PDB file of N, CA and C in Angstrom:
ATOM      1  N   MET A   1     -82.419   9.175-233.598  1.00  0.00           N
ATOM      2  CA  MET A   1     -82.745   9.240-232.187  1.00  0.00           C
ATOM      3  C   MET A   1     -84.253   9.022-232.009  1.00  0.00           C
ATOM      4  N   VAL A   2     -84.594   8.252-231.021  1.00  0.00           N
ATOM      5  CA  VAL A   2     -86.004   7.978-230.735  1.00  0.00           C
ATOM      6  C   VAL A   2     -86.681   9.276-230.308  1.00  0.00           C
ATOM      7  N   ASP A   3     -87.856   9.519-230.855  1.00  0.00           N
ATOM      8  CA  ASP A   3     -88.646  10.706-230.519  1.00  0.00           C
ATOM      9  C   ASP A   3     -89.657  10.314-229.439  1.00  0.00           C
ATOM     10  N   PRO A   4     -89.351  10.614-228.168  1.00  0.00           N
ATOM     11  CA  PRO A   4     -90.236  10.191-227.082  1.00  0.00           C
ATOM     12  C   PRO A   4     -91.668  10.701-227.224  1.00  0.00           C
ATOM     13  N   SER A   5     -91.839  11.931-227.699  1.00  0.00           N
ATOM     14  CA  SER A   5     -93.205  12.454-227.816  1.00  0.00           C
ATOM     15  C   SER A   5     -93.987  11.691-228.880  1.00  0.00           C
ATOM     16  N   ARG A   6     -93.320  11.290-229.929  1.00  0.00           N
ATOM     17  CA  ARG A   6     -93.980  10.498-230.977  1.00  0.00           C
ATOM     18  C   ARG A   6     -94.401   9.134-230.434  1.00  0.00           C
ATOM     19  N   VAL A   7     -93.500   8.500-229.696  1.00  0.00           N
ATOM     20  CA  VAL A   7     -93.812   7.188-229.121  1.00  0.00           C
ATOM     21  C   VAL A   7     -94.932   7.320-228.096  1.00  0.00           C
ATOM     22  N   ARG A   8     -94.875   8.350-227.254  1.00  0.00           N
ATOM     23  CA  ARG A   8     -95.943   8.567-226.259  1.00  0.00           C
ATOM     24  C   ARG A   8     -97.294   8.765-226.929  1.00  0.00           C
ATOM     25  N   ALA A   9     -97.324   9.545-228.001  1.00  0.00           N
ATOM     26  CA  ALA A   9     -98.589   9.787-228.712  1.00  0.00           C
ATOM     27  C   ALA A   9     -99.142   8.486-229.283  1.00  0.00           C
ATOM     28  N   LYS A  10     -98.265   7.673-229.860  1.00  0.00           N
ATOM     29  CA  LYS A  10     -98.704   6.383-230.412  1.00  0.00           C
ATOM     30  C   LYS A  10     -99.237   5.481-229.298  1.00  0.00           C
ATOM     31  N   LEU A  11     -98.508   5.419-228.190  1.00  0.00           N
ATOM     32  CA  LEU A  11     -98.931   4.550-227.093  1.00  0.00           C
ATOM     33  C   LEU A  11    -100.208   5.057-226.430  1.00  0.00           C
ATOM     34  N   SER A  12    -100.404   6.356-226.418  1.00  0.00           N
ATOM     35  CA  SER A  12    -101.652   6.919-225.897  1.00  0.00           C
ATOM     36  C   SER A  12    -102.831   6.481-226.767  1.00  0.00           C
ATOM     37  N   ALA A  13    -102.641   6.528-228.074  1.00  0.00           N
ATOM     38  CA  ALA A  13    -103.690   6.050-228.986  1.00  0.00           C
ATOM     39  C   ALA A  13    -103.949   4.568-228.755  1.00  0.00           C
ATOM     40  N   LEU A  14    -102.884   3.802-228.564  1.00  0.00           N
ATOM     41  CA  LEU A  14    -103.035   2.370-228.304  1.00  0.00           C
ATOM     42  C   LEU A  14    -103.856   2.137-227.039  1.00  0.00           C
ATOM     43  N   ASP A  15    -103.595   2.900-225.998  1.00  0.00           N
ATOM     44  CA  ASP A  15    -104.381   2.779-224.759  1.00  0.00           C
ATOM     45  C   ASP A  15    -105.868   3.019-225.018  1.00  0.00           C
ATOM     46  N   ARG A  16    -106.172   4.039-225.817  1.00  0.00           N
ATOM     47  CA  ARG A  16    -107.584   4.332-226.132  1.00  0.00           C
ATOM     48  C   ARG A  16    -108.214   3.183-226.920  1.00  0.00           C
ATOM     49  N   TYR A  17    -107.496   2.662-227.904  1.00  0.00           N
ATOM     50  CA  TYR A  17    -108.030   1.555-228.702  1.00  0.00           C
ATOM     51  C   TYR A  17    -108.288   0.332-227.827  1.00  0.00           C
ATOM     52  N   LEU A  18    -107.332   0.027-226.953  1.00  0.00           N
ATOM     53  CA  LEU A  18    -107.488  -1.151-226.095  1.00  0.00           C
ATOM     54  C   LEU A  18    -108.631  -0.975-225.097  1.00  0.00           C
ATOM     55  N   ALA A  19    -108.797   0.223-224.570  1.00  0.00           N
ATOM     56  CA  ALA A  19    -109.909   0.475-223.642  1.00  0.00           C
ATOM     57  C   ALA A  19    -111.243   0.239-224.339  1.00  0.00           C
ATOM     58  N   ARG A  20    -111.366   0.725-225.554  1.00  0.00           N
ATOM     59  CA  ARG A  20    -112.623   0.536-226.299  1.00  0.00           C
ATOM     60  C   ARG A  20    -112.822  -0.932-226.648  1.00  0.00           C
ATOM     61  N   LEU A  21    -111.748  -1.630-227.002  1.00  0.00           N
ATOM     62  CA  LEU A  21    -111.868  -3.063-227.288  1.00  0.00           C
ATOM     63  C   LEU A  21    -112.328  -3.830-226.049  1.00  0.00           C
ATOM     64  N   ARG A  22    -111.848  -3.425-224.878  1.00  0.00           N
ATOM     65  CA  ARG A  22    -112.307  -4.072-223.639  1.00  0.00           C
ATOM     66  C   ARG A  22    -113.801  -3.837-223.429  1.00  0.00           C
ATOM     67  N   ASP A  23    -114.247  -2.629-223.730  1.00  0.00           N
ATOM     68  CA  ASP A  23    -115.687  -2.334-223.632  1.00  0.00           C
ATOM     69  C   ASP A  23    -116.481  -3.234-224.577  1.00  0.00           C
ATOM     70  N   LEU A  24    -115.993  -3.366-225.795  1.00  0.00           N
ATOM     71  CA  LEU A  24    -116.689  -4.212-226.771  1.00  0.00           C
ATOM     72  C   LEU A  24    -116.683  -5.675-226.343  1.00  0.00           C
ATOM     73  N   ALA A  25    -115.586  -6.113-225.731  1.00  0.00           N
ATOM     74  CA  ALA A  25    -115.486  -7.505-225.286  1.00  0.00           C
ATOM     75  C   ALA A  25    -116.505  -7.823-224.200  1.00  0.00           C
ATOM     76  N   ALA A  26    -116.927  -6.812-223.464  1.00  0.00           N
ATOM     77  CA  ALA A  26    -117.904  -7.015-222.391  1.00  0.00           C
ATOM     78  C   ALA A  26    -119.342  -7.053-222.903  1.00  0.00           C
ATOM     79  N   MET A  27    -119.531  -6.716-224.170  1.00  0.00           N
ATOM     80  CA  MET A  27    -120.889  -6.684-224.732  1.00  0.00           C
ATOM     81  C   MET A  27    -121.435  -8.088-224.956  1.00  0.00           C
ATOM     82  N   ASP A  28    -122.743  -8.180-224.981  1.00  0.00           N
ATOM     83  CA  ASP A  28    -123.417  -9.401-225.389  1.00  0.00           C
ATOM     84  C   ASP A  28    -123.007  -9.710-226.834  1.00  0.00           C
ATOM     85  N   VAL A  29    -122.732 -10.964-227.126  1.00  0.00           N
ATOM     86  CA  VAL A  29    -122.253 -11.359-228.452  1.00  0.00           C
ATOM     87  C   VAL A  29    -123.217 -10.938-229.556  1.00  0.00           C
ATOM     88  N   ASP A  30    -124.495 -11.173-229.368  1.00  0.00           N
ATOM     89  CA  ASP A  30    -125.467 -10.816-230.408  1.00  0.00           C
ATOM     90  C   ASP A  30    -125.505  -9.306-230.650  1.00  0.00           C
ATOM     91  N   ALA A  31    -125.438  -8.531-229.576  1.00  0.00           N
ATOM     92  CA  ALA A  31    -125.437  -7.071-229.723  1.00  0.00           C
ATOM     93  C   ALA A  31    -124.174  -6.608-230.437  1.00  0.00           C
ATOM     94  N   TYR A  32    -123.059  -7.222-230.091  1.00  0.00           N
ATOM     95  CA  TYR A  32    -121.793  -6.865-230.747  1.00  0.00           C
ATOM     96  C   TYR A  32    -121.863  -7.146-232.247  1.00  0.00           C
ATOM     97  N   ILE A  33    -122.298  -8.337-232.592  1.00  0.00           N
ATOM     98  CA  ILE A  33    -122.369  -8.719-234.007  1.00  0.00           C
ATOM     99  C   ILE A  33    -123.343  -7.822-234.762  1.00  0.00           C
ATOM    100  N   ALA A  34    -124.453  -7.495-234.132  1.00  0.00           N
ATOM    101  CA  ALA A  34    -125.473  -6.683-234.799  1.00  0.00           C
ATOM    102  C   ALA A  34    -125.053  -5.231-234.995  1.00  0.00           C
ATOM    103  N   ASP A  35    -124.233  -4.718-234.075  1.00  0.00           N
ATOM    104  CA  ASP A  35    -124.014  -3.269-234.090  1.00  0.00           C
ATOM    105  C   ASP A  35    -122.554  -2.820-234.096  1.00  0.00           C
ATOM    106  N   ARG A  36    -121.630  -3.632-233.613  1.00  0.00           N
ATOM    107  CA  ARG A  36    -120.278  -3.131-233.363  1.00  0.00           C
ATOM    108  C   ARG A  36    -119.151  -3.946-233.997  1.00  0.00           C
ATOM    109  N   ALA A  37    -119.454  -4.949-234.768  1.00  0.00           N
ATOM    110  CA  ALA A  37    -118.402  -5.825-235.286  1.00  0.00           C
ATOM    111  C   ALA A  37    -117.357  -5.061-236.094  1.00  0.00           C
ATOM    112  N   TYR A  38    -117.805  -4.122-236.918  1.00  0.00           N
ATOM    113  CA  TYR A  38    -116.842  -3.377-237.726  1.00  0.00           C
ATOM    114  C   TYR A  38    -115.972  -2.465-236.869  1.00  0.00           C
ATOM    115  N   GLU A  39    -116.554  -1.933-235.809  1.00  0.00           N
ATOM    116  CA  GLU A  39    -115.773  -1.094-234.903  1.00  0.00           C
ATOM    117  C   GLU A  39    -114.657  -1.909-234.257  1.00  0.00           C
ATOM    118  N   GLY A  40    -114.993  -3.096-233.795  1.00  0.00           N
ATOM    119  CA  GLY A  40    -113.994  -3.962-233.177  1.00  0.00           C
ATOM    120  C   GLY A  40    -112.887  -4.332-234.146  1.00  0.00           C
ATOM    121  N   ARG A  41    -113.264  -4.643-235.363  1.00  0.00           N
ATOM    122  CA  ARG A  41    -112.272  -4.998-236.387  1.00  0.00           C
ATOM    123  C   ARG A  41    -111.334  -3.815-236.651  1.00  0.00           C
ATOM    124  N   TYR A  42    -111.915  -2.629-236.792  1.00  0.00           N
ATOM    125  CA  TYR A  42    -111.089  -1.435-237.028  1.00  0.00           C
ATOM    126  C   TYR A  42    -110.132  -1.194-235.856  1.00  0.00           C
ATOM    127  N   LEU A  43    -110.649  -1.261-234.632  1.00  0.00           N
ATOM    128  CA  LEU A  43    -109.820  -0.992-233.462  1.00  0.00           C
ATOM    129  C   LEU A  43    -108.686  -2.002-233.335  1.00  0.00           C
ATOM    130  N   ALA A  44    -108.963  -3.265-233.624  1.00  0.00           N
ATOM    131  CA  ALA A  44    -107.912  -4.286-233.570  1.00  0.00           C
ATOM    132  C   ALA A  44    -106.831  -3.993-234.606  1.00  0.00           C
ATOM    133  N   GLN A  45    -107.240  -3.631-235.816  1.00  0.00           N
ATOM    134  CA  GLN A  45    -106.269  -3.302-236.861  1.00  0.00           C
ATOM    135  C   GLN A  45    -105.469  -2.050-236.497  1.00  0.00           C
ATOM    136  N   ALA A  46    -106.144  -1.048-235.969  1.00  0.00           N
ATOM    137  CA  ALA A  46    -105.462   0.193-235.596  1.00  0.00           C
ATOM    138  C   ALA A  46    -104.468  -0.054-234.462  1.00  0.00           C
ATOM    139  N   ALA A  47    -104.843  -0.880-233.496  1.00  0.00           N
ATOM    140  CA  ALA A  47    -103.943  -1.201-232.390  1.00  0.00           C
ATOM    141  C   ALA A  47    -102.705  -1.934-232.896  1.00  0.00           C
ATOM    142  N   ALA A  48    -102.903  -2.889-233.787  1.00  0.00           N
ATOM    143  CA  ALA A  48    -101.767  -3.612-234.361  1.00  0.00           C
ATOM    144  C   ALA A  48    -100.857  -2.659-235.132  1.00  0.00           C
ATOM    145  N   GLN A  49    -101.452  -1.738-235.885  1.00  0.00           N
ATOM    146  CA  GLN A  49    -100.652  -0.792-236.670  1.00  0.00           C
ATOM    147  C   GLN A  49     -99.826   0.125-235.779  1.00  0.00           C
ATOM    148  N   VAL A  50    -100.373   0.525-234.640  1.00  0.00           N
ATOM    149  CA  VAL A  50     -99.606   1.345-233.699  1.00  0.00           C
ATOM    150  C   VAL A  50     -98.362   0.586-233.252  1.00  0.00           C
ATOM    151  N   CYS A  51     -98.515  -0.682-232.923  1.00  0.00           N
ATOM    152  CA  CYS A  51     -97.373  -1.488-232.480  1.00  0.00           C
ATOM    153  C   CYS A  51     -96.319  -1.590-233.580  1.00  0.00           C
ATOM    154  N   ILE A  52     -96.763  -1.795-234.799  1.00  0.00           N
ATOM    155  CA  ILE A  52     -95.847  -1.877-235.939  1.00  0.00           C
ATOM    156  C   ILE A  52     -95.149  -0.534-236.149  1.00  0.00           C
ATOM    157  N   ASP A  53     -95.900   0.555-236.071  1.00  0.00           N
ATOM    158  CA  ASP A  53     -95.322   1.891-236.251  1.00  0.00           C
ATOM    159  C   ASP A  53     -94.251   2.180-235.202  1.00  0.00           C
ATOM    160  N   VAL A  54     -94.538   1.857-233.954  1.00  0.00           N
ATOM    161  CA  VAL A  54     -93.560   2.086-232.886  1.00  0.00           C
ATOM    162  C   VAL A  54     -92.328   1.216-233.119  1.00  0.00           C
ATOM    163  N   ALA A  55     -92.529  -0.032-233.477  1.00  0.00           N
ATOM    164  CA  ALA A  55     -91.395  -0.921-233.753  1.00  0.00           C
ATOM    165  C   ALA A  55     -90.518  -0.344-234.857  1.00  0.00           C
ATOM    166  N   ASN A  56     -91.126   0.069-235.951  1.00  0.00           N
ATOM    167  CA  ASN A  56     -90.350   0.617-237.065  1.00  0.00           C
ATOM    168  C   ASN A  56     -89.672   1.931-236.701  1.00  0.00           C
ATOM    169  N   HIS A  57     -90.319   2.747-235.888  1.00  0.00           N
ATOM    170  CA  HIS A  57     -89.693   3.996-235.438  1.00  0.00           C
ATOM    171  C   HIS A  57     -88.443   3.691-234.614  1.00  0.00           C
ATOM    172  N   LEU A  58     -88.552   2.736-233.699  1.00  0.00           N
ATOM    173  CA  LEU A  58     -87.394   2.377-232.877  1.00  0.00           C
ATOM    174  C   LEU A  58     -86.261   1.829-233.736  1.00  0.00           C
ATOM    175  N   ILE A  59     -86.595   0.965-234.681  1.00  0.00           N
ATOM    176  CA  ILE A  59     -85.584   0.366-235.563  1.00  0.00           C
ATOM    177  C   ILE A  59     -84.862   1.448-236.359  1.00  0.00           C
ATOM    178  N   ALA A  60     -85.621   2.338-236.973  1.00  0.00           N
ATOM    179  CA  ALA A  60     -85.018   3.403-237.784  1.00  0.00           C
ATOM    180  C   ALA A  60     -84.209   4.369-236.919  1.00  0.00           C
ATOM    181  N   SER A  61     -84.758   4.727-235.773  1.00  0.00           N
ATOM    182  CA  SER A  61     -84.090   5.696-234.902  1.00  0.00           C
ATOM    183  C   SER A  61     -82.763   5.181-234.369  1.00  0.00           C
ATOM    184  N   GLU A  62     -82.708   3.894-234.126  1.00  0.00           N
ATOM    185  CA  GLU A  62     -81.489   3.294-233.585  1.00  0.00           C
ATOM    186  C   GLU A  62     -80.506   2.868-234.675  1.00  0.00           C
ATOM    187  N   GLY A  63     -80.927   2.967-235.932  1.00  0.00           N
ATOM    188  CA  GLY A  63     -80.039   2.596-237.030  1.00  0.00           C
ATOM    189  C   GLY A  63     -79.850   1.098-237.191  1.00  0.00           C
ATOM    190  N   TRP A  64     -80.812   0.335-236.698  1.00  0.00           N
ATOM    191  CA  TRP A  64     -80.732  -1.114-236.844  1.00  0.00           C
ATOM    192  C   TRP A  64     -81.107  -1.515-238.261  1.00  0.00           C
ATOM    193  N   ILE A  65     -80.788  -2.739-238.635  1.00  0.00           N
ATOM    194  CA  ILE A  65     -81.130  -3.246-239.966  1.00  0.00           C
ATOM    195  C   ILE A  65     -82.641  -3.161-240.142  1.00  0.00           C
ATOM    196  N   PRO A  66     -83.100  -2.517-241.216  1.00  0.00           N
ATOM    197  CA  PRO A  66     -84.549  -2.381-241.433  1.00  0.00           C
ATOM    198  C   PRO A  66     -85.243  -3.739-241.542  1.00  0.00           C
ATOM    199  N   ALA A  67     -86.462  -3.786-241.064  1.00  0.00           N
ATOM    200  CA  ALA A  67     -87.271  -5.006-241.145  1.00  0.00           C
ATOM    201  C   ALA A  67     -87.972  -5.052-242.494  1.00  0.00           C
ATOM    202  N   MET A  68     -88.087  -6.236-243.049  1.00  0.00           N
ATOM    203  CA  MET A  68     -88.766  -6.413-244.329  1.00  0.00           C
ATOM    204  C   MET A  68     -90.282  -6.491-244.160  1.00  0.00           C
ATOM    205  N   ASP A  69     -90.741  -6.871-242.966  1.00  0.00           N
ATOM    206  CA  ASP A  69     -92.174  -6.963-242.690  1.00  0.00           C
ATOM    207  C   ASP A  69     -92.387  -6.818-241.188  1.00  0.00           C
ATOM    208  N   PHE A  70     -93.653  -6.838-240.766  1.00  0.00           N
ATOM    209  CA  PHE A  70     -93.921  -6.591-239.347  1.00  0.00           C
ATOM    210  C   PHE A  70     -93.379  -7.698-238.464  1.00  0.00           C
ATOM    211  N   ARG A  71     -93.373  -8.929-238.943  1.00  0.00           N
ATOM    212  CA  ARG A  71     -92.842 -10.022-238.125  1.00  0.00           C
ATOM    213  C   ARG A  71     -91.360  -9.798-237.836  1.00  0.00           C
ATOM    214  N   GLU A  72     -90.648  -9.432-238.872  1.00  0.00           N
ATOM    215  CA  GLU A  72     -89.223  -9.172-238.713  1.00  0.00           C
ATOM    216  C   GLU A  72     -88.981  -7.957-237.814  1.00  0.00           C
ATOM    217  N   ALA A  73     -89.877  -6.990-237.844  1.00  0.00           N
ATOM    218  CA  ALA A  73     -89.731  -5.815-236.975  1.00  0.00           C
ATOM    219  C   ALA A  73     -89.739  -6.239-235.506  1.00  0.00           C
ATOM    220  N   PHE A  74     -90.644  -7.132-235.148  1.00  0.00           N
ATOM    221  CA  PHE A  74     -90.700  -7.581-233.759  1.00  0.00           C
ATOM    222  C   PHE A  74     -89.528  -8.492-233.421  1.00  0.00           C
ATOM    223  N   ASP A  75     -89.059  -9.268-234.395  1.00  0.00           N
ATOM    224  CA  ASP A  75     -87.840 -10.054-234.185  1.00  0.00           C
ATOM    225  C   ASP A  75     -86.666  -9.124-233.881  1.00  0.00           C
ATOM    226  N   ARG A  76     -86.577  -8.030-234.651  1.00  0.00           N
ATOM    227  CA  ARG A  76     -85.487  -7.076-234.462  1.00  0.00           C
ATOM    228  C   ARG A  76     -85.535  -6.491-233.049  1.00  0.00           C
ATOM    229  N   LEU A  77     -86.735  -6.170-232.571  1.00  0.00           N
ATOM    230  CA  LEU A  77     -86.851  -5.654-231.203  1.00  0.00           C
ATOM    231  C   LEU A  77     -86.419  -6.702-230.188  1.00  0.00           C
ATOM    232  N   GLY A  78     -86.692  -7.962-230.478  1.00  0.00           N
ATOM    233  CA  GLY A  78     -86.230  -9.031-229.606  1.00  0.00           C
ATOM    234  C   GLY A  78     -84.717  -9.162-229.626  1.00  0.00           C
ATOM    235  N   GLU A  79     -84.126  -9.063-230.816  1.00  0.00           N
ATOM    236  CA  GLU A  79     -82.666  -9.158-230.953  1.00  0.00           C
ATOM    237  C   GLU A  79     -81.961  -8.078-230.141  1.00  0.00           C
ATOM    238  N   HIS A  80     -82.566  -6.908-230.061  1.00  0.00           N
ATOM    239  CA  HIS A  80     -81.959  -5.779-229.356  1.00  0.00           C
ATOM    240  C   HIS A  80     -82.516  -5.608-227.945  1.00  0.00           C
ATOM    241  N   GLU A  81     -83.209  -6.629-227.466  1.00  0.00           N
ATOM    242  CA  GLU A  81     -83.714  -6.712-226.095  1.00  0.00           C
ATOM    243  C   GLU A  81     -84.676  -5.587-225.719  1.00  0.00           C
ATOM    244  N   VAL A  82     -85.371  -5.043-226.724  1.00  0.00           N
ATOM    245  CA  VAL A  82     -86.473  -4.122-226.444  1.00  0.00           C
ATOM    246  C   VAL A  82     -87.671  -4.946-225.988  1.00  0.00           C
ATOM    247  N   LEU A  83     -87.846  -6.095-226.613  1.00  0.00           N
ATOM    248  CA  LEU A  83     -88.841  -7.088-226.199  1.00  0.00           C
ATOM    249  C   LEU A  83     -88.100  -8.271-225.602  1.00  0.00           C
ATOM    250  N   THR A  84     -88.699  -8.905-224.616  1.00  0.00           N
ATOM    251  CA  THR A  84     -88.085 -10.096-224.036  1.00  0.00           C
ATOM    252  C   THR A  84     -88.180 -11.254-225.023  1.00  0.00           C
ATOM    253  N   PRO A  85     -87.335 -12.269-224.864  1.00  0.00           N
ATOM    254  CA  PRO A  85     -87.417 -13.425-225.757  1.00  0.00           C
ATOM    255  C   PRO A  85     -88.797 -14.084-225.759  1.00  0.00           C
ATOM    256  N   ASP A  86     -89.525 -13.981-224.657  1.00  0.00           N
ATOM    257  CA  ASP A  86     -90.871 -14.558-224.592  1.00  0.00           C
ATOM    258  C   ASP A  86     -91.896 -13.722-225.349  1.00  0.00           C
ATOM    259  N   HIS A  87     -91.707 -12.414-225.389  1.00  0.00           N
ATOM    260  CA  HIS A  87     -92.702 -11.529-225.997  1.00  0.00           C
ATOM    261  C   HIS A  87     -92.536 -11.335-227.497  1.00  0.00           C
ATOM    262  N   ALA A  88     -91.316 -11.339-227.990  1.00  0.00           N
ATOM    263  CA  ALA A  88     -91.098 -11.101-229.426  1.00  0.00           C
ATOM    264  C   ALA A  88     -91.907 -12.063-230.295  1.00  0.00           C
ATOM    265  N   PRO A  89     -91.883 -13.380-230.023  1.00  0.00           N
ATOM    266  CA  PRO A  89     -92.678 -14.284-230.871  1.00  0.00           C
ATOM    267  C   PRO A  89     -94.185 -14.034-230.771  1.00  0.00           C
ATOM    268  N   LEU A  90     -94.660 -13.602-229.619  1.00  0.00           N
ATOM    269  CA  LEU A  90     -96.092 -13.327-229.460  1.00  0.00           C
ATOM    270  C   LEU A  90     -96.532 -12.153-230.327  1.00  0.00           C
ATOM    271  N   CYS A  91     -95.656 -11.198-230.531  1.00  0.00           N
ATOM    272  CA  CYS A  91     -95.989 -10.022-231.338  1.00  0.00           C
ATOM    273  C   CYS A  91     -96.020 -10.342-232.825  1.00  0.00           C
ATOM    274  N   ARG A  92     -95.429 -11.441-233.216  1.00  0.00           N
ATOM    275  CA  ARG A  92     -95.367 -11.820-234.633  1.00  0.00           C
ATOM    276  C   ARG A  92     -96.685 -12.374-235.145  1.00  0.00           C
ATOM    277  N   THR A  93     -97.562 -12.777-234.266  1.00  0.00           N
ATOM    278  CA  THR A  93     -98.788 -13.444-234.716  1.00  0.00           C
ATOM    279  C   THR A  93     -99.976 -12.517-234.742  1.00  0.00           C
TER     280      THR A  93
END
């Protein structure tokens, strides 16, 4: 069974990561490169991992065929109409 509090906590973290990434995107390029490049890289990786974690939680909770990798996890969500046919391929990249 899907654990709503677990999914909410993950999505809350994702919101924080995305908000900070938006702040970094507004910075001057030179300032970003000089001072924040590693922060941006970490936040992007952490945001992607949250999406993968939520996908795998949904797959396991619903008893669907386990995904072999993150691309397949998003395909599985598309197969079960958690993601629209337009969005599933976008999540694979």
